[in-house]
């Protein structure tokens, strides 16, 4: 499964992306495993520690791979892959969990999965 974000805001910096995800992911990690910290969380935040500006149209991709891996790419360049089942679960819970950050995104994901299954 992949979540792709496309930058539309002209002044967005990589560190702002980290700030947006960090609080939400920590809350979901606490819900999943009882604590807000995870080695994967530390690595994830380190990918976004630089204050690099992102131009409109830049893509930020998060790929859930087998074995609890979360690969992150910005503009088609891999930032890294984290091996953490809990962080993967927390990340995708943001979009397809009981309380998604965007109900429309969750519905779109469900519709896309439905289309894929119809092709099988």
PDB file of N, CA and C in Angstrom:
ATOM      1  N   UNK A   1       0.849  -1.167   0.000  1.00  0.00           N
ATOM      2  CA  UNK A   1       0.000   0.000   0.000  1.00  0.00           C
ATOM      3  C   UNK A   1       0.897   1.232   0.000  1.00  0.00           C
ATOM      4  N   UNK A   2       0.466   2.241  -0.707  1.00  0.00           N
ATOM      5  CA  UNK A   2       1.224   3.492  -0.791  1.00  0.00           C
ATOM      6  C   UNK A   2       0.306   4.669  -0.517  1.00  0.00           C
ATOM      7  N   UNK A   3       0.808   5.608   0.269  1.00  0.00           N
ATOM      8  CA  UNK A   3       0.144   6.893   0.444  1.00  0.00           C
ATOM      9  C   UNK A   3       1.042   7.922  -0.224  1.00  0.00           C
ATOM     10  N   UNK A   4       0.461   8.675  -1.150  1.00  0.00           N
ATOM     11  CA  UNK A   4       1.215   9.729  -1.838  1.00  0.00           C
ATOM     12  C   UNK A   4       0.617  11.078  -1.472  1.00  0.00           C
ATOM     13  N   UNK A   5       1.480  11.950  -1.001  1.00  0.00           N
ATOM     14  CA  UNK A   5       1.101  13.328  -0.723  1.00  0.00           C
ATOM     15  C   UNK A   5       1.757  14.198  -1.784  1.00  0.00           C
ATOM     16  N   UNK A   6       1.030  15.180  -2.269  1.00  0.00           N
ATOM     17  CA  UNK A   6       1.569  16.103  -3.261  1.00  0.00           C
ATOM     18  C   UNK A   6       1.577  17.496  -2.645  1.00  0.00           C
ATOM     19  N   UNK A   7       2.732  18.134  -2.674  1.00  0.00           N
ATOM     20  CA  UNK A   7       2.900  19.466  -2.086  1.00  0.00           C
ATOM     21  C   UNK A   7       2.179  20.498  -2.945  1.00  0.00           C
ATOM     22  N   UNK A   8       1.344  21.304  -2.291  1.00  0.00           N
ATOM     23  CA  UNK A   8       0.661  22.400  -2.971  1.00  0.00           C
ATOM     24  C   UNK A   8       1.051  23.747  -2.376  1.00  0.00           C
ATOM     25  N   UNK A   9       1.563  23.731  -1.163  1.00  0.00           N
ATOM     26  CA  UNK A   9       1.909  24.947  -0.431  1.00  0.00           C
ATOM     27  C   UNK A   9       3.310  25.397  -0.808  1.00  0.00           C
ATOM     28  N   UNK A  10       3.468  26.656  -1.189  1.00  0.00           N
ATOM     29  CA  UNK A  10       4.733  27.165  -1.690  1.00  0.00           C
ATOM     30  C   UNK A  10       5.840  27.208  -0.629  1.00  0.00           C
ATOM     31  N   UNK A  11       5.513  27.438   0.622  1.00  0.00           N
ATOM     32  CA  UNK A  11       6.535  27.601   1.654  1.00  0.00           C
ATOM     33  C   UNK A  11       6.781  26.364   2.510  1.00  0.00           C
ATOM     34  N   UNK A  12       6.380  25.185   2.052  1.00  0.00           N
ATOM     35  CA  UNK A  12       6.503  23.972   2.860  1.00  0.00           C
ATOM     36  C   UNK A  12       7.960  23.522   2.960  1.00  0.00           C
ATOM     37  N   UNK A  13       8.373  23.181   4.176  1.00  0.00           N
ATOM     38  CA  UNK A  13       9.723  22.668   4.420  1.00  0.00           C
ATOM     39  C   UNK A  13       9.617  21.250   4.965  1.00  0.00           C
ATOM     40  N   UNK A  14      10.666  20.481   4.758  1.00  0.00           N
ATOM     41  CA  UNK A  14      10.689  19.091   5.209  1.00  0.00           C
ATOM     42  C   UNK A  14      10.435  18.997   6.715  1.00  0.00           C
ATOM     43  N   UNK A  15      10.978  19.932   7.477  1.00  0.00           N
ATOM     44  CA  UNK A  15      10.781  19.909   8.932  1.00  0.00           C
ATOM     45  C   UNK A  15       9.311  20.128   9.310  1.00  0.00           C
ATOM     46  N   UNK A  16       8.563  20.856   8.471  1.00  0.00           N
ATOM     47  CA  UNK A  16       7.142  21.066   8.727  1.00  0.00           C
ATOM     48  C   UNK A  16       6.363  19.764   8.538  1.00  0.00           C
ATOM     49  N   UNK A  17       6.802  18.954   7.586  1.00  0.00           N
ATOM     50  CA  UNK A  17       6.180  17.647   7.372  1.00  0.00           C
ATOM     51  C   UNK A  17       6.373  16.788   8.619  1.00  0.00           C
ATOM     52  N   UNK A  18       7.598  16.798   9.157  1.00  0.00           N
ATOM     53  CA  UNK A  18       7.882  16.037  10.381  1.00  0.00           C
ATOM     54  C   UNK A  18       6.964  16.488  11.513  1.00  0.00           C
ATOM     55  N   UNK A  19       6.863  17.786  11.716  1.00  0.00           N
ATOM     56  CA  UNK A  19       6.027  18.303  12.799  1.00  0.00           C
ATOM     57  C   UNK A  19       4.578  17.882  12.645  1.00  0.00           C
ATOM     58  N   UNK A  20       4.096  17.857  11.407  1.00  0.00           N
ATOM     59  CA  UNK A  20       2.705  17.469  11.167  1.00  0.00           C
ATOM     60  C   UNK A  20       2.463  16.003  11.508  1.00  0.00           C
ATOM     61  N   UNK A  21       3.427  15.154  11.197  1.00  0.00           N
ATOM     62  CA  UNK A  21       3.255  13.718  11.443  1.00  0.00           C
ATOM     63  C   UNK A  21       3.588  13.306  12.874  1.00  0.00           C
ATOM     64  N   UNK A  22       4.560  13.946  13.479  1.00  0.00           N
ATOM     65  CA  UNK A  22       5.097  13.459  14.753  1.00  0.00           C
ATOM     66  C   UNK A  22       4.039  13.312  15.852  1.00  0.00           C
ATOM     67  N   UNK A  23       3.263  14.345  16.086  1.00  0.00           N
ATOM     68  CA  UNK A  23       2.248  14.277  17.140  1.00  0.00           C
ATOM     69  C   UNK A  23       1.196  13.218  16.884  1.00  0.00           C
ATOM     70  N   UNK A  24       0.702  13.183  15.654  1.00  0.00           N
ATOM     71  CA  UNK A  24      -0.333  12.203  15.299  1.00  0.00           C
ATOM     72  C   UNK A  24       0.187  10.777  15.410  1.00  0.00           C
ATOM     73  N   UNK A  25       1.411  10.548  14.916  1.00  0.00           N
ATOM     74  CA  UNK A  25       1.969   9.197  14.982  1.00  0.00           C
ATOM     75  C   UNK A  25       2.222   8.767  16.423  1.00  0.00           C
ATOM     76  N   UNK A  26       2.701   9.682  17.252  1.00  0.00           N
ATOM     77  CA  UNK A  26       2.944   9.335  18.667  1.00  0.00           C
ATOM     78  C   UNK A  26       1.641   8.954  19.371  1.00  0.00           C
ATOM     79  N   UNK A  27       0.570   9.689  19.101  1.00  0.00           N
ATOM     80  CA  UNK A  27      -0.730   9.356  19.707  1.00  0.00           C
ATOM     81  C   UNK A  27      -1.202   7.979  19.251  1.00  0.00           C
ATOM     82  N   UNK A  28      -1.013   7.674  17.998  1.00  0.00           N
ATOM     83  CA  UNK A  28      -1.458   6.370  17.484  1.00  0.00           C
ATOM     84  C   UNK A  28      -0.557   5.239  17.961  1.00  0.00           C
ATOM     85  N   UNK A  29       0.733   5.508  18.108  1.00  0.00           N
ATOM     86  CA  UNK A  29       1.627   4.503  18.686  1.00  0.00           C
ATOM     87  C   UNK A  29       1.225   4.198  20.131  1.00  0.00           C
ATOM     88  N   UNK A  30       0.873   5.236  20.878  1.00  0.00           N
ATOM     89  CA  UNK A  30       0.434   5.043  22.269  1.00  0.00           C
ATOM     90  C   UNK A  30      -0.809   4.168  22.303  1.00  0.00           C
ATOM     91  N   UNK A  31      -1.716   4.386  21.358  1.00  0.00           N
ATOM     92  CA  UNK A  31      -2.950   3.595  21.281  1.00  0.00           C
ATOM     93  C   UNK A  31      -2.637   2.137  20.914  1.00  0.00           C
ATOM     94  N   UNK A  32      -1.686   1.930  20.018  1.00  0.00           N
ATOM     95  CA  UNK A  32      -1.355   0.593  19.520  1.00  0.00           C
ATOM     96  C   UNK A  32      -0.516  -0.208  20.514  1.00  0.00           C
ATOM     97  N   UNK A  33       0.541   0.414  21.053  1.00  0.00           N
ATOM     98  CA  UNK A  33       1.475  -0.354  21.878  1.00  0.00           C
ATOM     99  C   UNK A  33       1.623   0.146  23.303  1.00  0.00           C
ATOM    100  N   UNK A  34       0.879   1.183  23.668  1.00  0.00           N
ATOM    101  CA  UNK A  34       0.897   1.654  25.044  1.00  0.00           C
ATOM    102  C   UNK A  34       1.966   2.692  25.349  1.00  0.00           C
ATOM    103  N   UNK A  35       2.882   2.936  24.422  1.00  0.00           N
ATOM    104  CA  UNK A  35       3.907   3.977  24.591  1.00  0.00           C
ATOM    105  C   UNK A  35       4.008   4.766  23.286  1.00  0.00           C
ATOM    106  N   UNK A  36       4.433   6.015  23.409  1.00  0.00           N
ATOM    107  CA  UNK A  36       4.488   6.894  22.241  1.00  0.00           C
ATOM    108  C   UNK A  36       5.814   6.825  21.501  1.00  0.00           C
ATOM    109  N   UNK A  37       6.765   6.078  22.036  1.00  0.00           N
ATOM    110  CA  UNK A  37       8.073   5.997  21.402  1.00  0.00           C
ATOM    111  C   UNK A  37       8.287   4.655  20.737  1.00  0.00           C
ATOM    112  N   UNK A  38       9.147   4.674  19.749  1.00  0.00           N
ATOM    113  CA  UNK A  38       9.440   3.494  18.960  1.00  0.00           C
ATOM    114  C   UNK A  38      10.742   3.817  18.224  1.00  0.00           C
ATOM    115  N   UNK A  39      11.622   2.838  18.087  1.00  0.00           N
ATOM    116  CA  UNK A  39      12.865   3.084  17.357  1.00  0.00           C
ATOM    117  C   UNK A  39      12.575   3.561  15.940  1.00  0.00           C
ATOM    118  N   UNK A  40      11.530   3.016  15.341  1.00  0.00           N
ATOM    119  CA  UNK A  40      11.145   3.427  14.001  1.00  0.00           C
ATOM    120  C   UNK A  40      10.715   4.881  13.955  1.00  0.00           C
ATOM    121  N   UNK A  41      10.072   5.352  15.016  1.00  0.00           N
ATOM    122  CA  UNK A  41       9.618   6.740  15.078  1.00  0.00           C
ATOM    123  C   UNK A  41      10.807   7.690  15.072  1.00  0.00           C
ATOM    124  N   UNK A  42      11.830   7.338  15.803  1.00  0.00           N
ATOM    125  CA  UNK A  42      13.037   8.170  15.859  1.00  0.00           C
ATOM    126  C   UNK A  42      13.675   8.254  14.471  1.00  0.00           C
ATOM    127  N   UNK A  43      13.779   7.115  13.793  1.00  0.00           N
ATOM    128  CA  UNK A  43      14.349   7.096  12.441  1.00  0.00           C
ATOM    129  C   UNK A  43      13.472   7.900  11.474  1.00  0.00           C
ATOM    130  N   UNK A  44      12.156   7.709  11.567  1.00  0.00           N
ATOM    131  CA  UNK A  44      11.224   8.420  10.694  1.00  0.00           C
ATOM    132  C   UNK A  44      11.401   9.925  10.830  1.00  0.00           C
ATOM    133  N   UNK A  45      11.444  10.408  12.062  1.00  0.00           N
ATOM    134  CA  UNK A  45      11.599  11.847  12.294  1.00  0.00           C
ATOM    135  C   UNK A  45      12.947  12.353  11.776  1.00  0.00           C
ATOM    136  N   UNK A  46      13.975  11.520  11.854  1.00  0.00           N
ATOM    137  CA  UNK A  46      15.294  11.953  11.387  1.00  0.00           C
ATOM    138  C   UNK A  46      15.299  12.198   9.868  1.00  0.00           C
ATOM    139  N   UNK A  47      14.439  11.505   9.123  1.00  0.00           N
ATOM    140  CA  UNK A  47      14.371  11.722   7.677  1.00  0.00           C
ATOM    141  C   UNK A  47      13.921  13.139   7.338  1.00  0.00           C
ATOM    142  N   UNK A  48      13.158  13.723   8.239  1.00  0.00           N
ATOM    143  CA  UNK A  48      12.567  15.036   7.981  1.00  0.00           C
ATOM    144  C   UNK A  48      13.200  16.140   8.821  1.00  0.00           C
ATOM    145  N   UNK A  49      14.409  15.922   9.306  1.00  0.00           N
ATOM    146  CA  UNK A  49      15.032  16.882  10.214  1.00  0.00           C
ATOM    147  C   UNK A  49      15.637  18.078   9.497  1.00  0.00           C
ATOM    148  N   UNK A  50      15.915  17.960   8.211  1.00  0.00           N
ATOM    149  CA  UNK A  50      16.520  19.063   7.472  1.00  0.00           C
ATOM    150  C   UNK A  50      15.469  20.100   7.118  1.00  0.00           C
ATOM    151  N   UNK A  51      15.887  21.348   7.057  1.00  0.00           N
ATOM    152  CA  UNK A  51      14.975  22.442   6.746  1.00  0.00           C
ATOM    153  C   UNK A  51      14.991  22.735   5.246  1.00  0.00           C
ATOM    154  N   UNK A  52      14.763  21.701   4.455  1.00  0.00           N
ATOM    155  CA  UNK A  52      14.782  21.814   3.002  1.00  0.00           C
ATOM    156  C   UNK A  52      13.395  22.245   2.514  1.00  0.00           C
ATOM    157  N   UNK A  53      13.365  23.225   1.617  1.00  0.00           N
ATOM    158  CA  UNK A  53      12.098  23.674   1.036  1.00  0.00           C
ATOM    159  C   UNK A  53      11.630  22.675  -0.016  1.00  0.00           C
ATOM    160  N   UNK A  54      10.325  22.454  -0.033  1.00  0.00           N
ATOM    161  CA  UNK A  54       9.706  21.561  -1.013  1.00  0.00           C
ATOM    162  C   UNK A  54       8.876  22.415  -1.960  1.00  0.00           C
ATOM    163  N   UNK A  55       9.133  22.294  -3.228  1.00  0.00           N
ATOM    164  CA  UNK A  55       8.396  23.102  -4.199  1.00  0.00           C
ATOM    165  C   UNK A  55       7.049  22.451  -4.517  1.00  0.00           C
ATOM    166  N   UNK A  56       6.077  23.268  -4.913  1.00  0.00           N
ATOM    167  CA  UNK A  56       4.777  22.711  -5.292  1.00  0.00           C
ATOM    168  C   UNK A  56       4.945  21.653  -6.383  1.00  0.00           C
ATOM    169  N   UNK A  57       4.183  20.560  -6.222  1.00  0.00           N
ATOM    170  CA  UNK A  57       4.260  19.443  -7.157  1.00  0.00           C
ATOM    171  C   UNK A  57       5.156  18.310  -6.669  1.00  0.00           C
ATOM    172  N   UNK A  58       5.980  18.579  -5.659  1.00  0.00           N
ATOM    173  CA  UNK A  58       6.842  17.532  -5.102  1.00  0.00           C
ATOM    174  C   UNK A  58       5.965  16.450  -4.477  1.00  0.00           C
ATOM    175  N   UNK A  59       6.309  15.187  -4.724  1.00  0.00           N
ATOM    176  CA  UNK A  59       5.564  14.076  -4.134  1.00  0.00           C
ATOM    177  C   UNK A  59       6.307  13.536  -2.924  1.00  0.00           C
ATOM    178  N   UNK A  60       5.539  13.135  -1.932  1.00  0.00           N
ATOM    179  CA  UNK A  60       6.066  12.456  -0.748  1.00  0.00           C
ATOM    180  C   UNK A  60       5.323  11.131  -0.676  1.00  0.00           C
ATOM    181  N   UNK A  61       6.055  10.038  -0.874  1.00  0.00           N
ATOM    182  CA  UNK A  61       5.453   8.708  -0.917  1.00  0.00           C
ATOM    183  C   UNK A  61       5.851   7.886   0.295  1.00  0.00           C
ATOM    184  N   UNK A  62       4.867   7.202   0.856  1.00  0.00           N
ATOM    185  CA  UNK A  62       5.079   6.289   1.976  1.00  0.00           C
ATOM    186  C   UNK A  62       4.579   4.923   1.525  1.00  0.00           C
ATOM    187  N   UNK A  63       5.493   3.958   1.444  1.00  0.00           N
ATOM    188  CA  UNK A  63       5.159   2.619   0.968  1.00  0.00           C
ATOM    189  C   UNK A  63       5.212   1.636   2.129  1.00  0.00           C
ATOM    190  N   UNK A  64       4.125   0.913   2.322  1.00  0.00           N
ATOM    191  CA  UNK A  64       4.124  -0.174   3.293  1.00  0.00           C
ATOM    192  C   UNK A  64       4.540  -1.439   2.557  1.00  0.00           C
ATOM    193  N   UNK A  65       5.660  -2.009   2.989  1.00  0.00           N
ATOM    194  CA  UNK A  65       6.203  -3.202   2.364  1.00  0.00           C
ATOM    195  C   UNK A  65       6.030  -4.386   3.298  1.00  0.00           C
ATOM    196  N   UNK A  66       6.305  -5.570   2.812  1.00  0.00           N
ATOM    197  CA  UNK A  66       6.156  -6.764   3.640  1.00  0.00           C
ATOM    198  C   UNK A  66       7.099  -6.713   4.837  1.00  0.00           C
ATOM    199  N   UNK A  67       6.714  -7.415   5.891  1.00  0.00           N
ATOM    200  CA  UNK A  67       7.561  -7.515   7.073  1.00  0.00           C
ATOM    201  C   UNK A  67       7.579  -6.272   7.935  1.00  0.00           C
ATOM    202  N   UNK A  68       6.568  -5.410   7.818  1.00  0.00           N
ATOM    203  CA  UNK A  68       6.508  -4.224   8.663  1.00  0.00           C
ATOM    204  C   UNK A  68       7.486  -3.140   8.260  1.00  0.00           C
ATOM    205  N   UNK A  69       7.744  -3.017   6.971  1.00  0.00           N
ATOM    206  CA  UNK A  69       8.671  -2.005   6.482  1.00  0.00           C
ATOM    207  C   UNK A  69       7.900  -0.783   5.984  1.00  0.00           C
ATOM    208  N   UNK A  70       8.437   0.390   6.262  1.00  0.00           N
ATOM    209  CA  UNK A  70       7.872   1.644   5.779  1.00  0.00           C
ATOM    210  C   UNK A  70       8.971   2.389   5.026  1.00  0.00           C
ATOM    211  N   UNK A  71       8.814   2.490   3.696  1.00  0.00           N
ATOM    212  CA  UNK A  71       9.799   3.194   2.879  1.00  0.00           C
ATOM    213  C   UNK A  71       9.260   4.587   2.567  1.00  0.00           C
ATOM    214  N   UNK A  72      10.120   5.589   2.712  1.00  0.00           N
ATOM    215  CA  UNK A  72       9.743   6.972   2.490  1.00  0.00           C
ATOM    216  C   UNK A  72      10.563   7.541   1.332  1.00  0.00           C
ATOM    217  N   UNK A  73       9.869   8.198   0.409  1.00  0.00           N
ATOM    218  CA  UNK A  73      10.521   8.831  -0.736  1.00  0.00           C
ATOM    219  C   UNK A  73      10.009  10.262  -0.876  1.00  0.00           C
ATOM    220  N   UNK A  74      10.904  11.159  -1.231  1.00  0.00           N
ATOM    221  CA  UNK A  74      10.527  12.545  -1.513  1.00  0.00           C
ATOM    222  C   UNK A  74      11.043  12.883  -2.904  1.00  0.00           C
ATOM    223  N   UNK A  75      10.137  13.280  -3.771  1.00  0.00           N
ATOM    224  CA  UNK A  75      10.520  13.603  -5.135  1.00  0.00           C
ATOM    225  C   UNK A  75      11.155  12.437  -5.868  1.00  0.00           C
ATOM    226  N   UNK A  76      10.745  11.214  -5.530  1.00  0.00           N
ATOM    227  CA  UNK A  76      11.277  10.016  -6.177  1.00  0.00           C
ATOM    228  C   UNK A  76      12.591   9.520  -5.596  1.00  0.00           C
ATOM    229  N   UNK A  77      13.141  10.216  -4.615  1.00  0.00           N
ATOM    230  CA  UNK A  77      14.396   9.797  -3.990  1.00  0.00           C
ATOM    231  C   UNK A  77      14.105   9.182  -2.627  1.00  0.00           C
ATOM    232  N   UNK A  78      14.640   7.992  -2.407  1.00  0.00           N
ATOM    233  CA  UNK A  78      14.388   7.293  -1.150  1.00  0.00           C
ATOM    234  C   UNK A  78      15.131   7.968   0.002  1.00  0.00           C
ATOM    235  N   UNK A  79      14.373   8.274   1.067  1.00  0.00           N
ATOM    236  CA  UNK A  79      14.979   8.805   2.282  1.00  0.00           C
ATOM    237  C   UNK A  79      15.420   7.674   3.195  1.00  0.00           C
ATOM    238  N   UNK A  80      14.698   6.552   3.147  1.00  0.00           N
ATOM    239  CA  UNK A  80      15.056   5.411   3.969  1.00  0.00           C
ATOM    240  C   UNK A  80      13.895   4.460   4.140  1.00  0.00           C
ATOM    241  N   UNK A  81      14.215   3.300   4.716  1.00  0.00           N
ATOM    242  CA  UNK A  81      13.220   2.279   5.012  1.00  0.00           C
ATOM    243  C   UNK A  81      13.338   1.916   6.479  1.00  0.00           C
ATOM    244  N   UNK A  82      12.218   1.915   7.155  1.00  0.00           N
ATOM    245  CA  UNK A  82      12.150   1.606   8.578  1.00  0.00           C
ATOM    246  C   UNK A  82      11.519   0.233   8.742  1.00  0.00           C
ATOM    247  N   UNK A  83      12.049  -0.552   9.663  1.00  0.00           N
ATOM    248  CA  UNK A  83      11.499  -1.867   9.968  1.00  0.00           C
ATOM    249  C   UNK A  83      10.798  -1.781  11.320  1.00  0.00           C
ATOM    250  N   UNK A  84       9.507  -1.495  11.300  1.00  0.00           N
ATOM    251  CA  UNK A  84       8.720  -1.377  12.530  1.00  0.00           C
ATOM    252  C   UNK A  84       7.255  -1.649  12.207  1.00  0.00           C
ATOM    253  N   UNK A  85       6.774  -2.822  12.636  1.00  0.00           N
ATOM    254  CA  UNK A  85       5.360  -3.153  12.425  1.00  0.00           C
ATOM    255  C   UNK A  85       4.461  -2.105  13.072  1.00  0.00           C
ATOM    256  N   UNK A  86       4.835  -1.680  14.280  1.00  0.00           N
ATOM    257  CA  UNK A  86       3.993  -0.728  15.009  1.00  0.00           C
ATOM    258  C   UNK A  86       3.927   0.626  14.312  1.00  0.00           C
ATOM    259  N   UNK A  87       5.059   1.114  13.820  1.00  0.00           N
ATOM    260  CA  UNK A  87       5.042   2.400  13.126  1.00  0.00           C
ATOM    261  C   UNK A  87       4.260   2.298  11.816  1.00  0.00           C
ATOM    262  N   UNK A  88       4.425   1.211  11.085  1.00  0.00           N
ATOM    263  CA  UNK A  88       3.640   1.008   9.848  1.00  0.00           C
ATOM    264  C   UNK A  88       2.151   1.047  10.166  1.00  0.00           C
ATOM    265  N   UNK A  89       1.787   0.324  11.181  1.00  0.00           N
ATOM    266  CA  UNK A  89       0.376   0.264  11.563  1.00  0.00           C
ATOM    267  C   UNK A  89      -0.133   1.651  11.968  1.00  0.00           C
ATOM    268  N   UNK A  90       0.659   2.374  12.768  1.00  0.00           N
ATOM    269  CA  UNK A  90       0.269   3.717  13.206  1.00  0.00           C
ATOM    270  C   UNK A  90       0.157   4.666  12.014  1.00  0.00           C
ATOM    271  N   UNK A  91       1.117   4.585  11.093  1.00  0.00           N
ATOM    272  CA  UNK A  91       1.097   5.482   9.934  1.00  0.00           C
ATOM    273  C   UNK A  91      -0.145   5.260   9.078  1.00  0.00           C
ATOM    274  N   UNK A  92      -0.420   4.028   8.721  1.00  0.00           N
ATOM    275  CA  UNK A  92      -1.558   3.785   7.846  1.00  0.00           C
ATOM    276  C   UNK A  92      -2.886   3.919   8.580  1.00  0.00           C
ATOM    277  N   UNK A  93      -2.858   3.829   9.911  1.00  0.00           N
ATOM    278  CA  UNK A  93      -4.048   4.111  10.714  1.00  0.00           C
ATOM    279  C   UNK A  93      -4.461   5.576  10.553  1.00  0.00           C
ATOM    280  N   UNK A  94      -3.492   6.452  10.266  1.00  0.00           N
ATOM    281  CA  UNK A  94      -3.810   7.860  10.022  1.00  0.00           C
ATOM    282  C   UNK A  94      -4.787   8.013   8.860  1.00  0.00           C
ATOM    283  N   UNK A  95      -4.700   7.121   7.888  1.00  0.00           N
ATOM    284  CA  UNK A  95      -5.487   7.249   6.662  1.00  0.00           C
ATOM    285  C   UNK A  95      -6.642   6.267   6.547  1.00  0.00           C
ATOM    286  N   UNK A  96      -6.504   5.060   7.106  1.00  0.00           N
ATOM    287  CA  UNK A  96      -7.563   4.065   6.951  1.00  0.00           C
ATOM    288  C   UNK A  96      -8.082   3.541   8.285  1.00  0.00           C
ATOM    289  N   UNK A  97      -7.677   4.138   9.384  1.00  0.00           N
ATOM    290  CA  UNK A  97      -8.113   3.705  10.705  1.00  0.00           C
ATOM    291  C   UNK A  97      -9.498   4.216  11.054  1.00  0.00           C
ATOM    292  N   UNK A  98      -9.882   3.986  12.313  1.00  0.00           N
ATOM    293  CA  UNK A  98     -11.210   4.398  12.777  1.00  0.00           C
ATOM    294  C   UNK A  98     -11.408   5.910  12.739  1.00  0.00           C
ATOM    295  N   UNK A  99     -10.360   6.663  13.008  1.00  0.00           N
ATOM    296  CA  UNK A  99     -10.440   8.125  13.008  1.00  0.00           C
ATOM    297  C   UNK A  99      -9.394   8.677  12.040  1.00  0.00           C
ATOM    298  N   UNK A 100      -9.663   8.606  10.736  1.00  0.00           N
ATOM    299  CA  UNK A 100      -8.667   9.052   9.757  1.00  0.00           C
ATOM    300  C   UNK A 100      -8.494  10.572   9.760  1.00  0.00           C
ATOM    301  N   UNK A 101      -7.319  11.021   9.339  1.00  0.00           N
ATOM    302  CA  UNK A 101      -7.089  12.460   9.242  1.00  0.00           C
ATOM    303  C   UNK A 101      -7.970  13.077   8.159  1.00  0.00           C
ATOM    304  N   UNK A 102      -8.379  12.271   7.199  1.00  0.00           N
ATOM    305  CA  UNK A 102      -9.264  12.735   6.131  1.00  0.00           C
ATOM    306  C   UNK A 102     -10.234  11.613   5.773  1.00  0.00           C
ATOM    307  N   UNK A 103     -11.497  11.835   6.050  1.00  0.00           N
ATOM    308  CA  UNK A 103     -12.507  10.831   5.710  1.00  0.00           C
ATOM    309  C   UNK A 103     -12.563  10.626   4.196  1.00  0.00           C
ATOM    310  N   UNK A 104     -12.396  11.697   3.428  1.00  0.00           N
ATOM    311  CA  UNK A 104     -12.405  11.583   1.961  1.00  0.00           C
ATOM    312  C   UNK A 104     -11.250  10.710   1.481  1.00  0.00           C
ATOM    313  N   UNK A 105     -10.056  10.895   2.056  1.00  0.00           N
ATOM    314  CA  UNK A 105      -8.917  10.062   1.656  1.00  0.00           C
ATOM    315  C   UNK A 105      -9.199   8.597   1.962  1.00  0.00           C
ATOM    316  N   UNK A 106      -9.803   8.317   3.118  1.00  0.00           N
ATOM    317  CA  UNK A 106     -10.129   6.943   3.479  1.00  0.00           C
ATOM    318  C   UNK A 106     -11.124   6.354   2.484  1.00  0.00           C
ATOM    319  N   UNK A 107     -12.126   7.133   2.103  1.00  0.00           N
ATOM    320  CA  UNK A 107     -13.110   6.665   1.134  1.00  0.00           C
ATOM    321  C   UNK A 107     -12.464   6.417  -0.233  1.00  0.00           C
ATOM    322  N   UNK A 108     -11.571   7.316  -0.640  1.00  0.00           N
ATOM    323  CA  UNK A 108     -10.870   7.145  -1.924  1.00  0.00           C
ATOM    324  C   UNK A 108     -10.022   5.879  -1.919  1.00  0.00           C
ATOM    325  N   UNK A 109      -9.341   5.623  -0.817  1.00  0.00           N
ATOM    326  CA  UNK A 109      -8.522   4.413  -0.694  1.00  0.00           C
ATOM    327  C   UNK A 109      -9.405   3.178  -0.807  1.00  0.00           C
ATOM    328  N   UNK A 110     -10.543   3.194  -0.117  1.00  0.00           N
ATOM    329  CA  UNK A 110     -11.476   2.067  -0.182  1.00  0.00           C
ATOM    330  C   UNK A 110     -11.988   1.825  -1.593  1.00  0.00           C
ATOM    331  N   UNK A 111     -12.306   2.906  -2.301  1.00  0.00           N
ATOM    332  CA  UNK A 111     -12.783   2.773  -3.677  1.00  0.00           C
ATOM    333  C   UNK A 111     -11.685   2.218  -4.581  1.00  0.00           C
ATOM    334  N   UNK A 112     -10.455   2.671  -4.403  1.00  0.00           N
ATOM    335  CA  UNK A 112      -9.345   2.163  -5.212  1.00  0.00           C
ATOM    336  C   UNK A 112      -9.085   0.693  -4.953  1.00  0.00           C
ATOM    337  N   UNK A 113      -9.160   0.290  -3.700  1.00  0.00           N
ATOM    338  CA  UNK A 113      -8.981  -1.134  -3.368  1.00  0.00           C
ATOM    339  C   UNK A 113     -10.093  -1.959  -4.011  1.00  0.00           C
ATOM    340  N   UNK A 114     -11.322  -1.429  -3.979  1.00  0.00           N
ATOM    341  CA  UNK A 114     -12.452  -2.108  -4.608  1.00  0.00           C
ATOM    342  C   UNK A 114     -12.235  -2.301  -6.105  1.00  0.00           C
ATOM    343  N   UNK A 115     -11.702  -1.277  -6.778  1.00  0.00           N
ATOM    344  CA  UNK A 115     -11.424  -1.386  -8.218  1.00  0.00           C
ATOM    345  C   UNK A 115     -10.363  -2.442  -8.498  1.00  0.00           C
ATOM    346  N   UNK A 116      -9.329  -2.471  -7.680  1.00  0.00           N
ATOM    347  CA  UNK A 116      -8.264  -3.460  -7.853  1.00  0.00           C
ATOM    348  C   UNK A 116      -8.820  -4.863  -7.691  1.00  0.00           C
ATOM    349  N   UNK A 117      -9.658  -5.078  -6.683  1.00  0.00           N
ATOM    350  CA  UNK A 117     -10.234  -6.391  -6.436  1.00  0.00           C
ATOM    351  C   UNK A 117     -11.167  -6.821  -7.561  1.00  0.00           C
ATOM    352  N   UNK A 118     -11.858  -5.877  -8.182  1.00  0.00           N
ATOM    353  CA  UNK A 118     -12.747  -6.216  -9.299  1.00  0.00           C
ATOM    354  C   UNK A 118     -11.980  -6.728 -10.504  1.00  0.00           C
ATOM    355  N   UNK A 119     -10.741  -6.275 -10.658  1.00  0.00           N
ATOM    356  CA  UNK A 119      -9.907  -6.718 -11.781  1.00  0.00           C
ATOM    357  C   UNK A 119      -9.375  -8.128 -11.611  1.00  0.00           C
ATOM    358  N   UNK A 120      -9.379  -8.611 -10.386  1.00  0.00           N
ATOM    359  CA  UNK A 120      -8.822  -9.951 -10.105  1.00  0.00           C
ATOM    360  C   UNK A 120      -9.742 -11.056 -10.572  1.00  0.00           C
TER     361      UNK A 120
END
